[in-house]
């Protein structure tokens, strides 16, 4: 009972902190946040309006009402109370976020008549969920590397390009990008403590990946690799006789994540059929969606020059751009932070050689450095696999560094500096 009360208090404090950070930063109502990706968010507002008006157009997709207006016109229609027109669905994903917030809006509507208040509640709540996920990530970093590393990692929320302005967006629901990694950290701690539950833990991680997949297939390779990272860290830290245990865990996580992706893909196809009522049209719609993002099934490419041009850009050039763009404090690129992480670790190794004594902290930070550098594989996989999407949506794809590459790299740098100070003070001798 005492442990349960402590957990409840910790959860309440965490959410309170997230609410306070959201309120203080005002991220849910800034001018930049108001207009950032307003066209994409219109798809969610369209679904919310559809549910609010009691209309059913089949499939449960996101969508808009026609005639279309300027970006943000569906949001304005929600604030005005509704919209009359032809329904145009967005059939490229299941759109769970639209249905979820549509249900929340209907619940709020029973007690709050003001559309402005409901708009604020939805955007504020969405921001709180993302801040909560980042706080959980930072809390895990603190356990593994220390307080300074956790603070450095969390600073991304304030100092990374597009971070605060993206938090309230109801289409991108960025918190769902962080959930599989955060769940994986908790699951790995549970498994490590109990020394069992690999199957159940992998199933929980798969469920988190399913949640994200139902909110969009964008970035899915990055999300799935991120969920494997805590397992990889456990493997790095394990004794030799326990490493096979964690290899099995990594395999199970991969299997459950692939199953989650397959299930979400199947549900999407079923939704498409419920709307189109023709398997030939469903095939064309699904393959065209894949073609314009990845270049696969080129014969199904939509007749839009923008998609063709986006796929002509060399994949390695797209990769170079994302690694070299200044995304942290508008000064540091991911490649630059990778270099700083390596350089900040070098003095620890040098001290060991000078003092002729190995320290546990240096070994720990060495494993963390490998772990942090490996985290870049997730975003890189999406930049390469979905080069068309990455070429067009550069303001969106930068956000992938938040979950969790940048926090881990910054934690490595701060952790290395802290460890060096500790060694120089002879705390480790």
Protein backbone atom coordinates (compact mmCIF):
# COMPACT_ATOMS: atom_id res chain seq x y z
CA UNK A 1 0.00 0.00 0.00
CA UNK A 2 2.83 2.39 0.88
CA UNK A 3 4.52 1.72 -2.46
CA UNK A 4 1.28 2.42 -4.32
CA UNK A 5 0.82 5.74 -2.51
CA UNK A 6 4.39 6.73 -3.36
CA UNK A 7 3.81 5.89 -7.03
CA UNK A 8 0.59 7.91 -7.11
CA UNK A 9 2.31 10.90 -5.46
CA UNK A 10 5.21 10.69 -7.92
CA UNK A 11 2.82 10.53 -10.88
CA UNK A 12 0.81 13.49 -9.58
CA UNK A 13 3.98 15.54 -9.05
CA UNK A 14 5.21 14.66 -12.54
CA UNK A 15 1.96 15.76 -14.18
CA UNK A 16 1.88 18.93 -12.07
CA UNK A 17 5.41 19.79 -13.24
CA UNK A 18 4.37 19.18 -16.85
CA UNK A 19 1.32 21.45 -16.40
CA UNK A 20 3.43 24.20 -14.87
CA UNK A 21 6.07 24.00 -17.63
CA UNK A 22 3.34 24.12 -20.28
CA UNK A 23 1.69 27.11 -18.61
CA UNK A 24 4.94 29.03 -18.06
CA UNK A 25 6.26 28.50 -21.59
CA UNK A 26 2.86 29.22 -23.14
CA UNK A 27 3.79 26.75 -25.91
CA UNK A 28 0.14 25.80 -26.51
CA UNK A 29 -0.86 29.32 -27.59
CA UNK A 30 2.19 31.05 -29.14
CA UNK A 31 1.93 32.69 -32.56
CA UNK A 32 4.49 30.24 -33.99
CA UNK A 33 2.61 27.31 -32.49
CA UNK A 34 -0.68 28.68 -33.83
CA UNK A 35 0.52 28.56 -37.43
CA UNK A 36 3.06 25.73 -37.32
CA UNK A 37 1.69 22.88 -39.48
CA UNK A 38 -1.80 24.37 -39.35
CA UNK A 39 -2.63 22.61 -42.63
CA UNK A 40 -1.88 19.19 -41.13
CA UNK A 41 -3.75 20.00 -37.93
CA UNK A 42 -6.79 20.96 -40.01
CA UNK A 43 -7.19 17.24 -40.72
CA UNK A 44 -7.73 16.60 -37.00
CA UNK A 45 -10.07 19.55 -36.54
CA UNK A 46 -12.03 18.25 -39.51
CA UNK A 47 -12.45 14.87 -37.82
CA UNK A 48 -13.39 16.56 -34.53
CA UNK A 49 -16.05 18.62 -36.33
CA UNK A 50 -17.35 15.53 -38.14
CA UNK A 51 -17.84 13.72 -34.82
CA UNK A 52 -19.28 16.83 -33.15
CA UNK A 53 -21.88 17.17 -35.92
CA UNK A 54 -22.78 13.49 -35.65
CA UNK A 55 -21.74 12.76 -39.24
CA UNK A 56 -20.27 9.46 -40.47
CA UNK A 57 -18.50 9.26 -43.80
CA UNK A 58 -17.00 5.79 -43.41
CA UNK A 59 -13.59 4.60 -42.31
CA UNK A 60 -13.15 6.99 -39.38
CA UNK A 61 -10.38 8.85 -41.20
CA UNK A 62 -9.06 12.32 -40.58
CA UNK A 63 -10.22 14.82 -43.14
CA UNK A 64 -11.42 18.27 -44.17
CA UNK A 65 -14.61 19.87 -45.36
CA UNK A 66 -14.68 21.54 -48.77
CA UNK A 67 -14.41 24.17 -50.08
CA UNK A 68 -10.92 24.42 -48.61
CA UNK A 69 -9.68 27.70 -47.20
CA UNK A 70 -6.33 28.99 -46.01
CA UNK A 71 -4.26 26.92 -43.60
CA UNK A 72 -6.08 26.78 -40.29
CA UNK A 73 -9.57 27.12 -41.77
CA UNK A 74 -10.83 23.92 -40.09
CA UNK A 75 -9.58 25.20 -36.74
CA UNK A 76 -11.47 28.44 -37.36
CA UNK A 77 -14.53 26.43 -38.36
CA UNK A 78 -14.35 24.57 -35.04
CA UNK A 79 -14.13 27.86 -33.16
CA UNK A 80 -17.14 29.13 -35.14
CA UNK A 81 -19.15 26.04 -34.18
CA UNK A 82 -19.10 23.84 -37.28
CA UNK A 83 -18.84 23.60 -41.06
CA UNK A 84 -21.16 22.62 -43.90
CA UNK A 85 -19.64 21.18 -47.04
CA UNK A 86 -18.33 18.13 -48.85
CA UNK A 87 -16.18 15.77 -46.76
CA UNK A 88 -12.67 15.02 -48.06
CA UNK A 89 -10.97 12.20 -46.11
CA UNK A 90 -7.24 11.83 -45.51
CA UNK A 91 -6.77 8.13 -46.17
CA UNK A 92 -3.01 7.82 -45.61
CA UNK A 93 -3.25 6.63 -41.98
CA UNK A 94 -5.78 5.40 -39.44
CA UNK A 95 -5.93 8.79 -37.72
CA UNK A 96 -6.41 7.58 -34.15
CA UNK A 97 -5.44 11.02 -32.81
CA UNK A 98 -8.44 12.58 -34.53
CA UNK A 99 -10.87 10.04 -33.09
CA UNK A 100 -9.26 10.31 -29.65
CA UNK A 101 -9.51 14.10 -29.51
CA UNK A 102 -12.95 13.94 -31.09
CA UNK A 103 -14.13 11.82 -28.16
CA UNK A 104 -12.41 14.15 -25.67
CA UNK A 105 -14.13 17.14 -27.31
CA UNK A 106 -17.53 15.48 -27.07
CA UNK A 107 -16.90 14.81 -23.39
CA UNK A 108 -15.84 18.41 -22.79
CA UNK A 109 -18.83 19.67 -24.74
CA UNK A 110 -21.19 18.21 -22.15
CA UNK A 111 -19.80 20.58 -19.51
CA UNK A 112 -18.16 23.41 -21.51
CA UNK A 113 -20.07 25.17 -24.30
CA UNK A 114 -17.27 27.54 -25.32
CA UNK A 115 -15.38 26.27 -28.37
CA UNK A 116 -12.42 28.51 -27.46
CA UNK A 117 -12.11 26.84 -24.05
CA UNK A 118 -12.30 23.38 -25.63
CA UNK A 119 -9.71 24.38 -28.24
CA UNK A 120 -7.39 25.57 -25.48
CA UNK A 121 -7.98 22.43 -23.41
CA UNK A 122 -7.11 20.11 -26.31
CA UNK A 123 -3.95 21.96 -27.27
CA UNK A 124 -2.87 22.47 -23.66
CA UNK A 125 -3.46 18.83 -22.81
CA UNK A 126 -1.55 17.65 -25.87
CA UNK A 127 1.41 19.80 -24.81
CA UNK A 128 1.26 18.45 -21.25
CA UNK A 129 1.43 14.88 -22.55
CA UNK A 130 4.60 15.63 -24.51
CA UNK A 131 6.26 17.46 -21.62
CA UNK A 132 5.35 14.52 -19.37
CA UNK A 133 7.02 12.09 -21.78
CA UNK A 134 10.16 14.23 -21.86
CA UNK A 135 10.21 14.45 -18.05
CA UNK A 136 9.96 10.67 -17.83
CA UNK A 137 12.83 10.37 -20.29
CA UNK A 138 14.90 12.82 -18.24
CA UNK A 139 14.08 10.98 -15.02
CA UNK A 140 15.43 7.79 -16.54
CA UNK A 141 18.59 9.60 -17.69
CA UNK A 142 19.08 10.88 -14.13
CA UNK A 143 19.01 7.33 -12.79
CA UNK A 144 21.52 6.16 -15.36
CA UNK A 145 23.96 9.09 -15.66
CA UNK A 146 23.10 11.74 -13.08
CA UNK A 147 21.19 14.97 -12.50
CA UNK A 148 23.39 17.19 -14.70
CA UNK A 149 22.91 14.81 -17.61
CA UNK A 150 19.14 14.79 -17.07
CA UNK A 151 18.95 18.59 -17.03
CA UNK A 152 21.07 18.80 -20.16
CA UNK A 153 18.84 16.30 -21.91
CA UNK A 154 15.63 18.07 -20.95
CA UNK A 155 16.99 21.39 -22.19
CA UNK A 156 16.11 20.21 -25.71
CA UNK A 157 12.49 21.05 -24.97
CA UNK A 158 13.41 24.73 -24.74
CA UNK A 159 16.44 25.00 -27.00
CA UNK A 160 15.75 22.78 -29.98
CA UNK A 161 14.35 24.26 -33.17
CA UNK A 162 10.62 23.58 -33.58
CA UNK A 163 10.33 21.91 -30.16
CA UNK A 164 7.95 24.19 -28.25
CA UNK A 165 5.97 25.19 -31.31
CA UNK A 166 5.35 21.55 -32.22
CA UNK A 167 4.14 20.36 -28.79
CA UNK A 168 0.47 21.41 -29.09
CA UNK A 169 -0.07 20.24 -32.67
CA UNK A 170 -2.91 17.70 -32.66
CA UNK A 171 -1.92 16.06 -35.92
CA UNK A 172 1.71 15.26 -35.13
CA UNK A 173 0.97 14.39 -31.47
CA UNK A 174 4.71 14.33 -30.82
CA UNK A 175 4.25 12.63 -27.45
CA UNK A 176 3.32 9.44 -29.30
CA UNK A 177 6.80 9.48 -30.87
CA UNK A 178 8.35 9.39 -27.39
CA UNK A 179 6.04 6.81 -25.82
CA UNK A 180 7.67 3.61 -27.20
CA UNK A 181 11.12 4.69 -25.94
CA UNK A 182 9.78 5.79 -22.55
CA UNK A 183 7.81 2.55 -22.14
CA UNK A 184 10.92 0.59 -23.12
CA UNK A 185 13.00 2.31 -20.40
CA UNK A 186 10.41 1.37 -17.76
CA UNK A 187 10.08 -2.17 -19.08
CA UNK A 188 13.86 -2.70 -19.10
CA UNK A 189 14.11 -1.50 -15.49
CA UNK A 190 11.32 -3.92 -14.54
CA UNK A 191 12.93 -6.86 -16.36
CA UNK A 192 16.37 -6.05 -14.94
CA UNK A 193 14.97 -5.92 -11.43
CA UNK A 194 12.94 -9.13 -11.73
CA UNK A 195 15.34 -10.95 -14.07
CA UNK A 196 12.35 -12.24 -16.08
CA UNK A 197 9.21 -11.07 -17.95
CA UNK A 198 10.91 -10.69 -21.35
CA UNK A 199 7.77 -11.77 -23.22
CA UNK A 200 5.38 -9.53 -21.28
CA UNK A 201 7.78 -6.61 -21.48
CA UNK A 202 8.19 -6.94 -25.23
CA UNK A 203 4.40 -7.06 -25.58
CA UNK A 204 4.08 -3.76 -23.66
CA UNK A 205 6.64 -2.11 -25.94
CA UNK A 206 4.77 -3.48 -28.96
CA UNK A 207 1.54 -1.95 -27.65
CA UNK A 208 3.27 1.44 -27.38
CA UNK A 209 4.46 1.12 -30.99
CA UNK A 210 0.92 0.21 -32.05
CA UNK A 211 -0.33 3.44 -30.48
CA UNK A 212 2.12 5.47 -32.52
CA UNK A 213 1.42 3.56 -35.75
CA UNK A 214 -2.30 4.22 -35.47
CA UNK A 215 -1.50 7.95 -35.27
CA UNK A 216 0.57 7.85 -38.47
CA UNK A 217 3.28 5.77 -40.12
CA UNK A 218 5.62 8.74 -40.34
CA UNK A 219 8.97 8.08 -38.63
CA UNK A 220 8.00 4.50 -37.76
CA UNK A 221 11.48 3.05 -38.37
CA UNK A 222 12.98 5.68 -36.07
CA UNK A 223 10.37 5.00 -33.37
CA UNK A 224 10.94 1.24 -33.53
CA UNK A 225 14.71 1.54 -33.31
CA UNK A 226 14.37 4.00 -30.41
CA UNK A 227 12.32 1.42 -28.50
CA UNK A 228 15.20 -1.06 -28.89
CA UNK A 229 17.77 1.36 -27.44
CA UNK A 230 17.12 0.72 -23.72
CA UNK A 231 17.46 -3.01 -24.41
CA UNK A 232 20.77 -2.28 -26.16
CA UNK A 233 21.99 -0.33 -23.11
CA UNK A 234 21.10 -3.24 -20.83
CA UNK A 235 23.08 -5.51 -23.14
CA UNK A 236 26.10 -3.19 -22.95
CA UNK A 237 25.94 -3.08 -19.14
CA UNK A 238 25.21 -6.78 -18.57
CA UNK A 239 27.69 -9.40 -17.42
CA UNK A 240 28.80 -11.74 -20.20
CA UNK A 241 26.56 -14.56 -19.01
CA UNK A 242 23.51 -12.28 -19.13
CA UNK A 243 24.05 -10.81 -22.58
CA UNK A 244 22.22 -13.62 -24.38
CA UNK A 245 19.22 -12.87 -22.15
CA UNK A 246 19.09 -9.31 -23.45
CA UNK A 247 19.69 -10.45 -27.03
CA UNK A 248 16.56 -12.56 -26.70
CA UNK A 249 14.81 -9.50 -25.32
CA UNK A 250 15.87 -7.39 -28.31
CA UNK A 251 14.57 -10.07 -30.68
CA UNK A 252 11.23 -10.29 -28.87
CA UNK A 253 10.86 -6.51 -28.92
CA UNK A 254 11.53 -6.51 -32.67
CA UNK A 255 8.94 -9.27 -33.22
CA UNK A 256 6.25 -7.50 -31.20
CA UNK A 257 6.97 -4.17 -32.86
CA UNK A 258 6.73 -5.70 -36.32
CA UNK A 259 3.47 -7.37 -35.28
CA UNK A 260 2.19 -3.99 -34.06
CA UNK A 261 3.14 -2.37 -37.35
CA UNK A 262 1.48 -5.19 -39.29
CA UNK A 263 -1.71 -4.88 -37.23
CA UNK A 264 -1.88 -1.12 -37.69
CA UNK A 265 -1.26 -1.52 -41.42
CA UNK A 266 -4.05 -4.09 -41.63
CA UNK A 267 -6.47 -1.86 -39.75
CA UNK A 268 -5.61 1.00 -42.12
CA UNK A 269 -6.39 -1.19 -45.14
CA UNK A 270 -9.73 -2.24 -43.60
CA UNK A 271 -10.61 1.41 -42.94
CA UNK A 272 -9.77 2.23 -46.55
CA UNK A 273 -12.10 -0.50 -47.77
CA UNK A 274 -14.91 0.68 -45.48
CA UNK A 275 -14.61 4.08 -47.15
CA UNK A 276 -13.86 3.16 -50.77
CA UNK A 277 -15.86 -0.11 -50.94
CA UNK A 278 -13.57 -1.37 -53.71
CA UNK A 279 -10.38 -3.43 -53.22
CA UNK A 280 -8.92 -2.13 -56.50
CA UNK A 281 -9.20 1.44 -55.26
CA UNK A 282 -7.78 0.40 -51.89
CA UNK A 283 -4.72 -1.14 -53.55
CA UNK A 284 -4.13 2.00 -55.61
CA UNK A 285 -4.50 4.26 -52.57
CA UNK A 286 -2.16 2.22 -50.35
CA UNK A 287 0.56 1.77 -52.96
CA UNK A 288 0.40 5.43 -54.01
CA UNK A 289 0.89 6.46 -50.37
CA UNK A 290 3.98 4.27 -50.08
CA UNK A 291 5.32 5.31 -53.49
CA UNK A 292 5.32 9.05 -52.89
CA UNK A 293 7.17 8.69 -49.58
CA UNK A 294 9.75 6.02 -50.41
CA UNK A 295 9.95 5.65 -54.18
CA UNK A 296 8.84 2.01 -54.01
CA UNK A 297 6.03 0.93 -56.38
CA UNK A 298 6.98 3.79 -58.70
CA UNK A 299 4.24 2.88 -61.18
CA UNK A 300 1.67 3.95 -58.56
CA UNK A 301 3.25 7.38 -58.02
CA UNK A 302 0.60 10.17 -57.86
CA UNK A 303 0.69 12.65 -60.72
CA UNK A 304 2.28 15.40 -58.65
CA UNK A 305 5.61 16.89 -59.67
CA UNK A 306 6.53 17.74 -56.05
CA UNK A 307 6.64 14.06 -55.08
CA UNK A 308 8.77 13.13 -58.09
CA UNK A 309 11.23 15.96 -57.38
CA UNK A 310 11.51 15.01 -53.69
CA UNK A 311 12.53 11.47 -54.61
CA UNK A 312 15.23 12.66 -57.00
CA UNK A 313 17.31 14.23 -54.22
CA UNK A 314 20.18 11.87 -53.30
CA UNK A 315 19.55 10.02 -50.05
CA UNK A 316 23.06 10.67 -48.77
CA UNK A 317 22.60 14.40 -49.38
CA UNK A 318 19.40 14.34 -47.33
CA UNK A 319 21.26 12.48 -44.58
CA UNK A 320 24.10 15.01 -44.66
CA UNK A 321 21.66 17.90 -44.36
CA UNK A 322 19.91 16.52 -41.29
CA UNK A 323 23.16 15.72 -39.52
CA UNK A 324 24.69 19.13 -40.29
CA UNK A 325 21.68 21.42 -39.68
CA UNK A 326 21.99 23.51 -36.49
CA UNK A 327 19.07 22.19 -34.44
CA UNK A 328 20.15 22.74 -30.83
CA UNK A 329 20.10 26.38 -29.70
CA UNK A 330 20.42 27.21 -33.42
CA UNK A 331 24.16 26.59 -33.00
CA UNK A 332 24.90 22.88 -32.67
CA UNK A 333 24.18 20.21 -35.25
CA UNK A 334 23.75 16.54 -34.44
CA UNK A 335 27.13 15.82 -35.99
CA UNK A 336 28.65 18.56 -33.86
CA UNK A 337 27.13 17.15 -30.67
CA UNK A 338 28.38 13.69 -31.60
CA UNK A 339 31.88 15.12 -31.90
CA UNK A 340 31.54 16.97 -28.58
CA UNK A 341 30.36 13.79 -26.89
CA UNK A 342 33.45 11.94 -28.10
CA UNK A 343 35.82 14.79 -27.26
CA UNK A 344 34.33 15.21 -23.77
CA UNK A 345 34.96 11.53 -23.08
CA UNK A 346 38.61 11.64 -24.17
CA UNK A 347 39.86 13.41 -20.97
CA UNK A 348 38.33 10.63 -18.87
CA UNK A 349 40.36 8.06 -20.77
CA UNK A 350 43.43 10.26 -20.50
CA UNK A 351 43.02 10.54 -16.72
CA UNK A 352 42.81 6.77 -16.44
CA UNK A 353 46.08 6.38 -18.30
CA UNK A 354 47.82 9.07 -16.25
CA UNK A 355 46.50 7.76 -12.94
CA UNK A 356 46.98 4.14 -14.09
CA UNK A 357 43.71 3.20 -12.50
CA UNK A 358 40.39 2.32 -14.15
CA UNK A 359 37.25 3.83 -12.67
CA UNK A 360 33.69 2.56 -12.76
CA UNK A 361 32.44 5.98 -13.84
CA UNK A 362 34.67 6.08 -16.89
CA UNK A 363 33.48 2.63 -17.93
CA UNK A 364 29.88 3.68 -17.38
CA UNK A 365 30.26 6.81 -19.50
CA UNK A 366 32.02 4.82 -22.20
CA UNK A 367 29.00 2.54 -22.50
CA UNK A 368 26.68 5.56 -22.47
CA UNK A 369 28.70 7.19 -25.26
CA UNK A 370 28.29 4.10 -27.46
CA UNK A 371 24.59 4.07 -26.60
CA UNK A 372 24.12 7.77 -27.42
CA UNK A 373 25.97 7.52 -30.73
CA UNK A 374 23.93 4.44 -31.67
CA UNK A 375 20.72 6.42 -31.15
CA UNK A 376 21.41 8.36 -34.37
CA UNK A 377 20.64 5.20 -36.35
CA UNK A 378 16.89 5.62 -35.76
CA UNK A 379 16.38 9.02 -37.41
CA UNK A 380 18.96 8.16 -40.09
CA UNK A 381 16.93 5.08 -41.04
CA UNK A 382 13.88 7.22 -41.77
CA UNK A 383 15.85 9.81 -43.72
CA UNK A 384 17.10 7.01 -45.97
CA UNK A 385 13.98 4.84 -46.23
CA UNK A 386 11.49 7.70 -46.63
CA UNK A 387 13.69 10.13 -48.51
CA UNK A 388 10.71 11.73 -50.27
CA UNK A 389 9.01 12.57 -46.99
CA UNK A 390 12.32 13.74 -45.50
CA UNK A 391 13.04 15.98 -48.46
CA UNK A 392 9.66 17.74 -48.27
CA UNK A 393 9.02 17.83 -44.52
CA UNK A 394 12.32 19.13 -43.16
CA UNK A 395 10.68 21.23 -40.45
CA UNK A 396 8.89 18.09 -39.25
CA UNK A 397 11.64 15.52 -39.58
CA UNK A 398 14.06 17.55 -37.46
CA UNK A 399 11.82 16.75 -34.51
CA UNK A 400 12.89 13.12 -34.67
CA UNK A 401 16.18 14.11 -33.03
CA UNK A 402 14.18 14.82 -29.86
CA UNK A 403 13.11 11.19 -29.42
CA UNK A 404 15.68 10.50 -28.04
CA UNK A 405 18.97 11.25 -29.85
CA UNK A 406 19.61 14.84 -28.74
CA UNK A 407 18.74 14.24 -25.07
CA UNK A 408 21.08 11.23 -25.02
CA UNK A 409 23.97 13.07 -26.69
CA UNK A 410 23.61 16.05 -24.37
CA UNK A 411 23.43 13.67 -21.41
CA UNK A 412 26.68 12.10 -22.60
CA UNK A 413 28.43 15.47 -22.75
CA UNK A 414 27.15 16.62 -19.35
CA UNK A 415 27.83 13.22 -17.83
CA UNK A 416 31.39 13.19 -19.14
CA UNK A 417 32.09 16.65 -17.74
CA UNK A 418 30.61 15.70 -14.36
CA UNK A 419 32.62 12.48 -14.27
CA UNK A 420 35.83 14.33 -15.14
CA UNK A 421 35.27 16.80 -12.29
CA UNK A 422 34.66 13.87 -9.95
CA UNK A 423 37.85 12.12 -11.04
CA UNK A 424 39.93 15.29 -10.73
CA UNK A 425 38.60 15.77 -7.21
CA UNK A 426 39.73 12.19 -6.58
CA UNK A 427 36.19 11.12 -5.70
CA UNK A 428 36.72 8.03 -7.76
CA UNK A 429 40.17 7.14 -6.37
